[in-house]
Amino acid sequence: MEHITKTCPNCGNEFVVLKKVEEKAIYCTLECLSATQGNMKIEAISSKVSA
């Protein structure tokens, strides 16, 4: 099994994933995924309110 190192776009931490799931593994933890999804929801709501 081949592994690669990726960098989390949310926190900047490096993490190791299997090469075959490289495109699916974006965030290092569920906490980073959740934080990013929360930010996206807030941005979507604020753009609807200001429109």
Protein backbone atom coordinates (compact mmCIF):
# COMPACT_ATOMS: atom_id res chain seq x y z
CA MET A 1 0.00 0.00 0.00
CA GLU A 2 1.30 3.39 -1.00
CA HIS A 3 0.84 6.44 1.25
CA ILE A 4 1.16 10.15 0.55
CA THR A 5 1.41 13.23 2.74
CA LYS A 6 -1.22 15.94 2.40
CA THR A 7 -1.73 19.33 4.05
CA CYS A 8 -5.06 20.23 5.63
CA PRO A 9 -6.47 23.42 4.06
CA ASN A 10 -8.16 24.37 7.34
CA CYS A 11 -5.37 24.10 9.92
CA GLY A 12 -2.23 23.50 7.84
CA ASN A 13 -1.31 20.21 9.57
CA GLU A 14 0.27 17.49 7.48
CA PHE A 15 -1.36 14.04 7.50
CA VAL A 16 -0.78 10.70 5.77
CA VAL A 17 -3.41 8.96 3.62
CA LEU A 18 -3.54 6.00 1.27
CA LYS A 19 -2.74 6.96 -2.32
CA LYS A 20 -6.03 5.45 -3.57
CA VAL A 21 -8.14 7.81 -1.37
CA GLU A 22 -5.99 10.87 -1.99
CA GLU A 23 -8.77 12.87 -3.69
CA LYS A 24 -11.37 12.08 -1.01
CA ALA A 25 -9.18 12.87 2.01
CA ILE A 26 -9.17 16.66 2.24
CA TYR A 27 -9.14 17.44 5.97
CA CYS A 28 -6.94 15.94 8.69
CA THR A 29 -9.73 15.47 11.26
CA LEU A 30 -13.50 15.59 11.53
CA GLU A 31 -13.04 18.74 13.60
CA CYS A 32 -11.44 20.52 10.62
CA LEU A 33 -14.15 19.25 8.28
CA SER A 34 -16.86 20.41 10.67
CA ALA A 35 -15.24 23.83 11.15
CA THR A 36 -15.03 24.32 7.38
CA GLN A 37 -18.64 23.28 6.85
CA GLY A 38 -19.71 25.68 9.59
CA ASN A 39 -17.83 28.52 7.88
CA MET A 40 -19.47 27.68 4.55
CA LYS A 41 -22.94 27.75 6.12
CA ILE A 42 -22.23 31.10 7.78
CA GLU A 43 -20.96 32.58 4.49
CA ALA A 44 -24.02 31.29 2.61
CA ILE A 45 -26.40 32.76 5.18
CA SER A 46 -24.63 36.12 5.30
CA SER A 47 -24.63 36.41 1.51
CA LYS A 48 -28.39 35.73 1.42
CA VAL A 49 -29.07 38.29 4.15
CA SER A 50 -27.06 41.05 2.50
CA ALA A 51 -28.63 40.45 -0.94
